[in-house]
Amino acid sequence: MNMAPYRPLIESALVYGSGTHTYDDVVAEVEAGQAQFWPGPTSCIVTTIDLQPRQTILQFWLAAGNMAELEAMVPKILEWGKEEGCTSARFLGRKGWERSFLVRDGWVNTGHIIMERSL
């Protein structure tokens, strides 16, 4: 899949990712089958499947573009995750996502926080 047209969107989302990935890293993970790329006309989502001992979690790891378009994309992705054996879904993102369609669609803030420091 050609992800190049989505490079600006992906890079805009990676700004919030604490420097863990570059655009090329995302492409490499998708090409290796470690992540899934979901393109829309003007938006994109990247997911991963997090295999835990007691749960398989569909992780929405990167999303960028038009909010209405992203909202329309999510049900199909959730259905795919269910077919892949995922028992729950998790959305990773900046605090602003709490004011998006996610809350209206039943996503809840778990109260977990992420704290980070350089070593």
Protein backbone atom coordinates (compact mmCIF):
# COMPACT_ATOMS: atom_id res chain seq x y z
CA MET A 1 0.00 0.00 0.00
CA ASN A 2 1.27 3.42 -0.91
CA MET A 3 1.27 5.48 2.26
CA ALA A 4 3.20 8.41 0.73
CA PRO A 5 0.11 10.58 0.09
CA TYR A 6 -0.65 10.34 3.83
CA ARG A 7 2.85 11.29 4.97
CA PRO A 8 1.89 14.85 6.09
CA LEU A 9 -1.03 13.46 8.13
CA ILE A 10 1.09 10.74 9.72
CA GLU A 11 3.87 13.19 10.56
CA SER A 12 1.35 15.63 12.07
CA ALA A 13 0.13 12.90 14.42
CA LEU A 14 3.65 11.74 15.28
CA VAL A 15 4.41 15.17 16.70
CA TYR A 16 2.42 14.04 19.75
CA GLY A 17 4.18 10.68 20.01
CA SER A 18 7.17 11.59 22.20
CA GLY A 19 9.59 10.91 19.35
CA THR A 20 9.07 7.14 19.37
CA HIS A 21 8.57 6.81 15.62
CA THR A 22 9.26 8.53 12.33
CA TYR A 23 7.15 8.27 9.22
CA ASP A 24 9.57 5.66 7.88
CA ASP A 25 9.20 3.63 11.09
CA VAL A 26 5.41 3.61 10.69
CA VAL A 27 5.70 2.48 7.06
CA ALA A 28 8.14 -0.28 8.08
CA GLU A 29 5.77 -1.56 10.79
CA VAL A 30 2.83 -1.62 8.38
CA GLU A 31 4.87 -3.36 5.69
CA ALA A 32 6.09 -5.93 8.25
CA GLY A 33 2.50 -6.65 9.33
CA GLN A 34 3.10 -5.29 12.84
CA ALA A 35 0.62 -2.44 12.29
CA GLN A 36 -2.43 -1.91 10.12
CA PHE A 37 -2.94 1.16 7.92
CA TRP A 38 -6.49 2.37 7.33
CA PRO A 39 -6.67 5.11 4.68
CA GLY A 40 -9.62 7.38 4.04
CA PRO A 41 -10.02 10.05 1.38
CA THR A 42 -8.43 12.73 3.58
CA SER A 43 -7.67 10.87 6.82
CA CYS A 44 -5.87 7.81 8.11
CA ILE A 45 -5.68 5.55 11.14
CA VAL A 46 -2.92 3.17 12.20
CA THR A 47 -3.72 0.31 14.55
CA THR A 48 -1.81 -2.48 16.23
CA ILE A 49 -2.93 -5.62 17.98
CA ASP A 50 -1.64 -5.87 21.53
CA LEU A 51 -1.51 -9.52 22.60
CA GLN A 52 -1.70 -9.82 26.38
CA PRO A 53 -2.00 -13.05 28.40
CA ARG A 54 -5.72 -12.51 29.06
CA GLN A 55 -6.80 -10.02 26.42
CA THR A 56 -6.20 -9.16 22.80
CA ILE A 57 -6.53 -5.41 22.40
CA LEU A 58 -7.06 -3.50 19.18
CA GLN A 59 -4.98 -0.38 19.72
CA PHE A 60 -5.77 2.77 17.77
CA TRP A 61 -2.28 4.17 17.77
CA LEU A 62 -2.32 7.00 15.23
CA ALA A 63 -5.18 8.98 13.72
CA ALA A 64 -5.15 12.15 11.68
CA GLY A 65 -7.37 14.03 9.28
CA ASN A 66 -11.01 15.00 9.15
CA MET A 67 -12.86 14.18 12.37
CA ALA A 68 -16.14 13.18 10.67
CA GLU A 69 -14.24 10.92 8.30
CA LEU A 70 -12.29 9.33 11.16
CA GLU A 71 -15.55 8.72 13.01
CA ALA A 72 -17.01 6.98 9.96
CA MET A 73 -13.91 4.77 9.65
CA VAL A 74 -13.90 3.45 13.22
CA PRO A 75 -16.83 0.96 13.08
CA LYS A 76 -15.27 -0.97 10.19
CA ILE A 77 -11.95 -1.12 12.03
CA LEU A 78 -13.64 -2.30 15.24
CA GLU A 79 -15.43 -5.03 13.30
CA TRP A 80 -12.12 -6.13 11.77
CA GLY A 81 -10.55 -6.22 15.23
CA LYS A 82 -13.37 -8.39 16.52
CA GLU A 83 -12.87 -10.78 13.59
CA GLU A 84 -9.15 -10.91 14.49
CA GLY A 85 -10.02 -12.02 18.04
CA CYS A 86 -9.69 -8.69 19.84
CA THR A 87 -11.81 -8.47 22.97
CA SER A 88 -11.43 -4.74 23.54
CA ALA A 89 -10.17 -1.61 21.84
CA ARG A 90 -7.91 1.11 23.17
CA PHE A 91 -7.32 4.57 21.77
CA LEU A 92 -3.95 6.19 22.42
CA GLY A 93 -3.79 9.92 21.86
CA ARG A 94 -3.50 13.38 23.24
CA LYS A 95 -5.95 14.73 25.79
CA GLY A 96 -7.99 16.58 23.14
CA TRP A 97 -9.51 13.28 21.95
CA GLU A 98 -11.66 13.37 25.11
CA ARG A 99 -13.71 16.08 23.38
CA SER A 100 -14.24 14.06 20.20
CA PHE A 101 -16.80 11.59 18.91
CA LEU A 102 -15.09 8.86 20.94
CA VAL A 103 -16.91 9.77 24.17
CA ARG A 104 -20.28 9.86 22.39
CA ASP A 105 -19.52 6.44 20.89
CA GLY A 106 -18.90 4.79 24.27
CA TRP A 107 -15.16 5.16 24.76
CA VAL A 108 -14.25 6.02 28.35
CA ASN A 109 -11.21 7.59 29.91
CA THR A 110 -9.74 4.81 32.04
CA GLY A 111 -8.04 7.24 34.37
CA HIS A 112 -4.64 5.80 33.54
CA ILE A 113 -1.85 8.23 32.96
CA ILE A 114 1.40 7.96 31.11
CA MET A 115 4.41 9.53 32.72
CA GLU A 116 7.77 9.65 31.01
CA ARG A 117 11.32 10.75 31.64
CA SER A 118 14.60 10.56 29.84
CA LEU A 119 17.26 8.19 31.09
